[in-house]
Amino acid sequence: MARVDSSLLQLGTRVPRRLHRAVKLAALEEDVSVREWVADALATYLRRRRGTDANESGPGSTPVTLLKRTPGAA
């Protein structure tokens, strides 16, 4: 049986094909999944909207920073 991370929720949305392809390419370039890339992009967008462009999360929140993996790293 698969384990489910209870802190993750599914967001269903429809995006234009060209935008989806651009996101997939950006995620591939950063060697992360599309899910990770989108989560980081949304967190960055919200930080900028709030005027807190620093790379830190609010109190009690887990940081949402993605680290680029080196080839061969687990």
PDB file of N, CA and C in Angstrom:
ATOM      1  N   MET A   1       0.839  -1.188   0.000  1.00  0.00           N
ATOM      2  CA  MET A   1       0.000   0.000   0.000  1.00  0.00           C
ATOM      3  C   MET A   1       0.884   1.253   0.000  1.00  0.00           C
ATOM      4  N   ALA A   2       0.552   2.222  -0.830  1.00  0.00           N
ATOM      5  CA  ALA A   2       1.331   3.452  -0.935  1.00  0.00           C
ATOM      6  C   ALA A   2       1.075   4.352   0.260  1.00  0.00           C
ATOM      7  N   ARG A   3       2.142   5.018   0.716  1.00  0.00           N
ATOM      8  CA  ARG A   3       2.007   5.974   1.818  1.00  0.00           C
ATOM      9  C   ARG A   3       1.687   7.341   1.238  1.00  0.00           C
ATOM     10  N   VAL A   4       0.806   8.063   1.888  1.00  0.00           N
ATOM     11  CA  VAL A   4       0.385   9.377   1.423  1.00  0.00           C
ATOM     12  C   VAL A   4       0.878  10.428   2.403  1.00  0.00           C
ATOM     13  N   ASP A   5       1.521  11.466   1.890  1.00  0.00           N
ATOM     14  CA  ASP A   5       1.976  12.573   2.730  1.00  0.00           C
ATOM     15  C   ASP A   5       0.774  13.462   3.015  1.00  0.00           C
ATOM     16  N   SER A   6       0.339  13.499   4.260  1.00  0.00           N
ATOM     17  CA  SER A   6      -0.880  14.239   4.611  1.00  0.00           C
ATOM     18  C   SER A   6      -0.714  15.751   4.487  1.00  0.00           C
ATOM     19  N   SER A   7       0.535  16.239   4.342  1.00  0.00           N
ATOM     20  CA  SER A   7       0.723  17.683   4.199  1.00  0.00           C
ATOM     21  C   SER A   7       0.559  18.142   2.748  1.00  0.00           C
ATOM     22  N   LEU A   8       0.429  17.201   1.816  1.00  0.00           N
ATOM     23  CA  LEU A   8       0.272  17.556   0.408  1.00  0.00           C
ATOM     24  C   LEU A   8      -1.191  17.475   0.002  1.00  0.00           C
ATOM     25  N   LEU A   9      -1.595  18.434  -0.795  1.00  0.00           N
ATOM     26  CA  LEU A   9      -2.951  18.454  -1.351  1.00  0.00           C
ATOM     27  C   LEU A   9      -2.838  18.533  -2.858  1.00  0.00           C
ATOM     28  N   GLN A  10      -3.833  18.055  -3.547  1.00  0.00           N
ATOM     29  CA  GLN A  10      -3.826  18.090  -4.995  1.00  0.00           C
ATOM     30  C   GLN A  10      -4.559  19.325  -5.490  1.00  0.00           C
ATOM     31  N   LEU A  11      -3.959  20.005  -6.451  1.00  0.00           N
ATOM     32  CA  LEU A  11      -4.544  21.192  -7.061  1.00  0.00           C
ATOM     33  C   LEU A  11      -4.768  20.880  -8.535  1.00  0.00           C
ATOM     34  N   GLY A  12      -6.015  20.832  -8.937  1.00  0.00           N
ATOM     35  CA  GLY A  12      -6.321  20.542 -10.335  1.00  0.00           C
ATOM     36  C   GLY A  12      -6.589  21.841 -11.074  1.00  0.00           C
ATOM     37  N   THR A  13      -5.848  22.060 -12.139  1.00  0.00           N
ATOM     38  CA  THR A  13      -6.048  23.262 -12.936  1.00  0.00           C
ATOM     39  C   THR A  13      -5.724  22.957 -14.391  1.00  0.00           C
ATOM     40  N   ARG A  14      -6.239  23.760 -15.265  1.00  0.00           N
ATOM     41  CA  ARG A  14      -5.976  23.582 -16.685  1.00  0.00           C
ATOM     42  C   ARG A  14      -5.113  24.753 -17.146  1.00  0.00           C
ATOM     43  N   VAL A  15      -4.043  24.435 -17.849  1.00  0.00           N
ATOM     44  CA  VAL A  15      -3.144  25.471 -18.358  1.00  0.00           C
ATOM     45  C   VAL A  15      -2.954  25.248 -19.854  1.00  0.00           C
ATOM     46  N   PRO A  16      -2.662  26.296 -20.575  1.00  0.00           N
ATOM     47  CA  PRO A  16      -2.424  26.144 -22.008  1.00  0.00           C
ATOM     48  C   PRO A  16      -1.249  25.188 -22.269  1.00  0.00           C
ATOM     49  N   ARG A  17      -1.349  24.468 -23.357  1.00  0.00           N
ATOM     50  CA  ARG A  17      -0.329  23.477 -23.708  1.00  0.00           C
ATOM     51  C   ARG A  17       1.073  24.086 -23.747  1.00  0.00           C
ATOM     52  N   ARG A  18       1.209  25.273 -24.321  1.00  0.00           N
ATOM     53  CA  ARG A  18       2.532  25.920 -24.424  1.00  0.00           C
ATOM     54  C   ARG A  18       3.104  26.239 -23.055  1.00  0.00           C
ATOM     55  N   LEU A  19       2.258  26.686 -22.121  1.00  0.00           N
ATOM     56  CA  LEU A  19       2.728  26.992 -20.773  1.00  0.00           C
ATOM     57  C   LEU A  19       3.152  25.713 -20.048  1.00  0.00           C
ATOM     58  N   HIS A  20       2.362  24.657 -20.186  1.00  0.00           N
ATOM     59  CA  HIS A  20       2.704  23.384 -19.555  1.00  0.00           C
ATOM     60  C   HIS A  20       4.042  22.863 -20.074  1.00  0.00           C
ATOM     61  N   ARG A  21       4.231  22.988 -21.387  1.00  0.00           N
ATOM     62  CA  ARG A  21       5.493  22.540 -21.972  1.00  0.00           C
ATOM     63  C   ARG A  21       6.666  23.362 -21.456  1.00  0.00           C
ATOM     64  N   ALA A  22       6.476  24.680 -21.319  1.00  0.00           N
ATOM     65  CA  ALA A  22       7.537  25.543 -20.795  1.00  0.00           C
ATOM     66  C   ALA A  22       7.873  25.177 -19.343  1.00  0.00           C
ATOM     67  N   VAL A  23       6.856  24.855 -18.551  1.00  0.00           N
ATOM     68  CA  VAL A  23       7.082  24.453 -17.161  1.00  0.00           C
ATOM     69  C   VAL A  23       7.846  23.131 -17.118  1.00  0.00           C
ATOM     70  N   LYS A  24       7.452  22.185 -17.955  1.00  0.00           N
ATOM     71  CA  LYS A  24       8.150  20.893 -17.994  1.00  0.00           C
ATOM     72  C   LYS A  24       9.622  21.080 -18.361  1.00  0.00           C
ATOM     73  N   LEU A  25       9.900  21.941 -19.338  1.00  0.00           N
ATOM     74  CA  LEU A  25      11.285  22.197 -19.733  1.00  0.00           C
ATOM     75  C   LEU A  25      12.072  22.878 -18.615  1.00  0.00           C
ATOM     76  N   ALA A  26      11.451  23.833 -17.937  1.00  0.00           N
ATOM     77  CA  ALA A  26      12.129  24.519 -16.833  1.00  0.00           C
ATOM     78  C   ALA A  26      12.435  23.542 -15.700  1.00  0.00           C
ATOM     79  N   ALA A  27      11.493  22.663 -15.386  1.00  0.00           N
ATOM     80  CA  ALA A  27      11.704  21.664 -14.336  1.00  0.00           C
ATOM     81  C   ALA A  27      12.815  20.704 -14.737  1.00  0.00           C
ATOM     82  N   LEU A  28      12.836  20.310 -15.988  1.00  0.00           N
ATOM     83  CA  LEU A  28      13.870  19.413 -16.474  1.00  0.00           C
ATOM     84  C   LEU A  28      15.242  20.064 -16.374  1.00  0.00           C
ATOM     85  N   GLU A  29      15.331  21.338 -16.751  1.00  0.00           N
ATOM     86  CA  GLU A  29      16.604  22.068 -16.667  1.00  0.00           C
ATOM     87  C   GLU A  29      17.108  22.152 -15.227  1.00  0.00           C
ATOM     88  N   GLU A  30      16.186  22.257 -14.265  1.00  0.00           N
ATOM     89  CA  GLU A  30      16.565  22.352 -12.854  1.00  0.00           C
ATOM     90  C   GLU A  30      16.650  20.985 -12.188  1.00  0.00           C
ATOM     91  N   ASP A  31      16.391  19.928 -12.951  1.00  0.00           N
ATOM     92  CA  ASP A  31      16.451  18.552 -12.464  1.00  0.00           C
ATOM     93  C   ASP A  31      15.538  18.331 -11.255  1.00  0.00           C
ATOM     94  N   VAL A  32      14.307  18.820 -11.366  1.00  0.00           N
ATOM     95  CA  VAL A  32      13.293  18.614 -10.334  1.00  0.00           C
ATOM     96  C   VAL A  32      12.005  18.172 -11.031  1.00  0.00           C
ATOM     97  N   SER A  33      11.062  17.665 -10.249  1.00  0.00           N
ATOM     98  CA  SER A  33       9.783  17.266 -10.832  1.00  0.00           C
ATOM     99  C   SER A  33       8.951  18.515 -11.130  1.00  0.00           C
ATOM    100  N   VAL A  34       7.968  18.357 -11.994  1.00  0.00           N
ATOM    101  CA  VAL A  34       7.059  19.464 -12.304  1.00  0.00           C
ATOM    102  C   VAL A  34       6.350  19.897 -11.028  1.00  0.00           C
ATOM    103  N   ARG A  35       5.943  18.938 -10.196  1.00  0.00           N
ATOM    104  CA  ARG A  35       5.272  19.249  -8.931  1.00  0.00           C
ATOM    105  C   ARG A  35       6.159  20.134  -8.048  1.00  0.00           C
ATOM    106  N   GLU A  36       7.435  19.755  -7.920  1.00  0.00           N
ATOM    107  CA  GLU A  36       8.355  20.549  -7.101  1.00  0.00           C
ATOM    108  C   GLU A  36       8.556  21.943  -7.697  1.00  0.00           C
ATOM    109  N   TRP A  37       8.695  22.011  -9.019  1.00  0.00           N
ATOM    110  CA  TRP A  37       8.921  23.289  -9.680  1.00  0.00           C
ATOM    111  C   TRP A  37       7.733  24.225  -9.477  1.00  0.00           C
ATOM    112  N   VAL A  38       6.525  23.696  -9.669  1.00  0.00           N
ATOM    113  CA  VAL A  38       5.315  24.506  -9.522  1.00  0.00           C
ATOM    114  C   VAL A  38       5.154  24.957  -8.069  1.00  0.00           C
ATOM    115  N   ALA A  39       5.396  24.064  -7.109  1.00  0.00           N
ATOM    116  CA  ALA A  39       5.276  24.429  -5.693  1.00  0.00           C
ATOM    117  C   ALA A  39       6.246  25.553  -5.348  1.00  0.00           C
ATOM    118  N   ASP A  40       7.476  25.470  -5.845  1.00  0.00           N
ATOM    119  CA  ASP A  40       8.465  26.513  -5.577  1.00  0.00           C
ATOM    120  C   ASP A  40       8.074  27.826  -6.260  1.00  0.00           C
ATOM    121  N   ALA A  41       7.569  27.736  -7.495  1.00  0.00           N
ATOM    122  CA  ALA A  41       7.151  28.942  -8.220  1.00  0.00           C
ATOM    123  C   ALA A  41       5.994  29.634  -7.517  1.00  0.00           C
ATOM    124  N   LEU A  42       5.029  28.856  -7.028  1.00  0.00           N
ATOM    125  CA  LEU A  42       3.894  29.444  -6.305  1.00  0.00           C
ATOM    126  C   LEU A  42       4.348  30.089  -4.995  1.00  0.00           C
ATOM    127  N   ALA A  43       5.240  29.415  -4.262  1.00  0.00           N
ATOM    128  CA  ALA A  43       5.743  29.973  -3.006  1.00  0.00           C
ATOM    129  C   ALA A  43       6.510  31.270  -3.261  1.00  0.00           C
ATOM    130  N   THR A  44       7.329  31.290  -4.309  1.00  0.00           N
ATOM    131  CA  THR A  44       8.087  32.496  -4.662  1.00  0.00           C
ATOM    132  C   THR A  44       7.141  33.635  -5.029  1.00  0.00           C
ATOM    133  N   TYR A  45       6.135  33.334  -5.830  1.00  0.00           N
ATOM    134  CA  TYR A  45       5.149  34.335  -6.233  1.00  0.00           C
ATOM    135  C   TYR A  45       4.452  34.928  -5.004  1.00  0.00           C
ATOM    136  N   LEU A  46       4.025  34.074  -4.085  1.00  0.00           N
ATOM    137  CA  LEU A  46       3.321  34.558  -2.894  1.00  0.00           C
ATOM    138  C   LEU A  46       4.229  35.386  -1.999  1.00  0.00           C
ATOM    139  N   ARG A  47       5.494  35.001  -1.866  1.00  0.00           N
ATOM    140  CA  ARG A  47       6.443  35.803  -1.077  1.00  0.00           C
ATOM    141  C   ARG A  47       6.591  37.185  -1.688  1.00  0.00           C
ATOM    142  N   ARG A  48       6.695  37.250  -3.007  1.00  0.00           N
ATOM    143  CA  ARG A  48       6.849  38.546  -3.676  1.00  0.00           C
ATOM    144  C   ARG A  48       5.599  39.395  -3.521  1.00  0.00           C
ATOM    145  N   ARG A  49       4.433  38.778  -3.593  1.00  0.00           N
ATOM    146  CA  ARG A  49       3.171  39.516  -3.407  1.00  0.00           C
ATOM    147  C   ARG A  49       3.086  40.119  -2.017  1.00  0.00           C
ATOM    148  N   ARG A  50       3.599  39.400  -1.028  1.00  0.00           N
ATOM    149  CA  ARG A  50       3.576  39.886   0.356  1.00  0.00           C
ATOM    150  C   ARG A  50       4.694  40.871   0.639  1.00  0.00           C
ATOM    151  N   GLY A  51       5.621  41.018  -0.305  1.00  0.00           N
ATOM    152  CA  GLY A  51       6.734  41.925  -0.104  1.00  0.00           C
ATOM    153  C   GLY A  51       7.852  41.317   0.715  1.00  0.00           C
ATOM    154  N   THR A  52       7.842  40.005   0.876  1.00  0.00           N
ATOM    155  CA  THR A  52       8.910  39.325   1.614  1.00  0.00           C
ATOM    156  C   THR A  52       9.656  38.438   0.635  1.00  0.00           C
ATOM    157  N   ASP A  53      10.470  39.074  -0.197  1.00  0.00           N
ATOM    158  CA  ASP A  53      11.180  38.342  -1.245  1.00  0.00           C
ATOM    159  C   ASP A  53      12.341  37.528  -0.695  1.00  0.00           C
ATOM    160  N   ALA A  54      12.630  37.658   0.590  1.00  0.00           N
ATOM    161  CA  ALA A  54      13.686  36.844   1.180  1.00  0.00           C
ATOM    162  C   ALA A  54      13.291  35.379   1.083  1.00  0.00           C
ATOM    163  N   ASN A  55      14.269  34.527   1.019  1.00  0.00           N
ATOM    164  CA  ASN A  55      13.996  33.103   0.849  1.00  0.00           C
ATOM    165  C   ASN A  55      13.775  32.442   2.205  1.00  0.00           C
ATOM    166  N   GLU A  56      12.721  32.826   2.877  1.00  0.00           N
ATOM    167  CA  GLU A  56      12.378  32.242   4.164  1.00  0.00           C
ATOM    168  C   GLU A  56      10.877  32.081   4.244  1.00  0.00           C
ATOM    169  N   SER A  57      10.456  31.188   5.100  1.00  0.00           N
ATOM    170  CA  SER A  57       9.029  30.921   5.239  1.00  0.00           C
ATOM    171  C   SER A  57       8.512  31.583   6.501  1.00  0.00           C
ATOM    172  N   GLY A  58       7.204  31.646   6.623  1.00  0.00           N
ATOM    173  CA  GLY A  58       6.587  32.230   7.803  1.00  0.00           C
ATOM    174  C   GLY A  58       6.762  31.353   9.027  1.00  0.00           C
ATOM    175  N   PRO A  59       6.361  31.851  10.194  1.00  0.00           N
ATOM    176  CA  PRO A  59       6.499  31.085  11.425  1.00  0.00           C
ATOM    177  C   PRO A  59       5.737  29.775  11.348  1.00  0.00           C
ATOM    178  N   GLY A  60       6.410  28.708  11.749  1.00  0.00           N
ATOM    179  CA  GLY A  60       5.771  27.404  11.771  1.00  0.00           C
ATOM    180  C   GLY A  60       5.680  26.725  10.425  1.00  0.00           C
ATOM    181  N   SER A  61       6.200  27.362   9.379  1.00  0.00           N
ATOM    182  CA  SER A  61       6.138  26.786   8.035  1.00  0.00           C
ATOM    183  C   SER A  61       7.453  26.115   7.685  1.00  0.00           C
ATOM    184  N   THR A  62       7.357  25.127   6.838  1.00  0.00           N
ATOM    185  CA  THR A  62       8.547  24.462   6.337  1.00  0.00           C
ATOM    186  C   THR A  62       9.080  25.261   5.163  1.00  0.00           C
ATOM    187  N   PRO A  63      10.402  25.486   5.097  1.00  0.00           N
ATOM    188  CA  PRO A  63      10.952  26.205   3.951  1.00  0.00           C
ATOM    189  C   PRO A  63      10.614  25.488   2.651  1.00  0.00           C
ATOM    190  N   VAL A  64      10.408  26.248   1.587  1.00  0.00           N
ATOM    191  CA  VAL A  64       9.980  25.686   0.314  1.00  0.00           C
ATOM    192  C   VAL A  64      11.094  25.825  -0.723  1.00  0.00           C
ATOM    193  N   THR A  65      12.334  25.934  -0.274  1.00  0.00           N
ATOM    194  CA  THR A  65      13.446  26.127  -1.180  1.00  0.00           C
ATOM    195  C   THR A  65      13.830  24.818  -1.847  1.00  0.00           C
ATOM    196  N   LEU A  66      14.005  24.850  -3.148  1.00  0.00           N
ATOM    197  CA  LEU A  66      14.455  23.675  -3.883  1.00  0.00           C
ATOM    198  C   LEU A  66      15.958  23.774  -4.084  1.00  0.00           C
ATOM    199  N   LEU A  67      16.632  22.679  -3.890  1.00  0.00           N
ATOM    200  CA  LEU A  67      18.058  22.620  -4.129  1.00  0.00           C
ATOM    201  C   LEU A  67      18.314  21.819  -5.394  1.00  0.00           C
ATOM    202  N   LYS A  68      19.169  22.323  -6.249  1.00  0.00           N
ATOM    203  CA  LYS A  68      19.471  21.597  -7.476  1.00  0.00           C
ATOM    204  C   LYS A  68      20.313  20.381  -7.113  1.00  0.00           C
ATOM    205  N   ARG A  69      19.868  19.219  -7.571  1.00  0.00           N
ATOM    206  CA  ARG A  69      20.575  17.991  -7.292  1.00  0.00           C
ATOM    207  C   ARG A  69      21.732  17.822  -8.243  1.00  0.00           C
ATOM    208  N   THR A  70      22.827  17.270  -7.733  1.00  0.00           N
ATOM    209  CA  THR A  70      23.946  16.964  -8.596  1.00  0.00           C
ATOM    210  C   THR A  70      23.725  15.597  -9.214  1.00  0.00           C
ATOM    211  N   PRO A  71      24.204  15.374 -10.420  1.00  0.00           N
ATOM    212  CA  PRO A  71      24.012  14.076 -11.057  1.00  0.00           C
ATOM    213  C   PRO A  71      24.556  12.951 -10.190  1.00  0.00           C
ATOM    214  N   GLY A  72      23.788  11.903 -10.059  1.00  0.00           N
ATOM    215  CA  GLY A  72      24.189  10.750  -9.264  1.00  0.00           C
ATOM    216  C   GLY A  72      23.826  10.854  -7.798  1.00  0.00           C
ATOM    217  N   ALA A  73      23.345  12.015  -7.357  1.00  0.00           N
ATOM    218  CA  ALA A  73      22.959  12.182  -5.944  1.00  0.00           C
ATOM    219  C   ALA A  73      21.589  11.578  -5.718  1.00  0.00           C
ATOM    220  N   ALA A  74      21.408  11.056  -4.528  1.00  0.00           N
ATOM    221  CA  ALA A  74      20.113  10.414  -4.196  1.00  0.00           C
ATOM    222  C   ALA A  74      19.112  11.419  -3.727  1.00  0.00           C
TER     223      ALA A  74
END
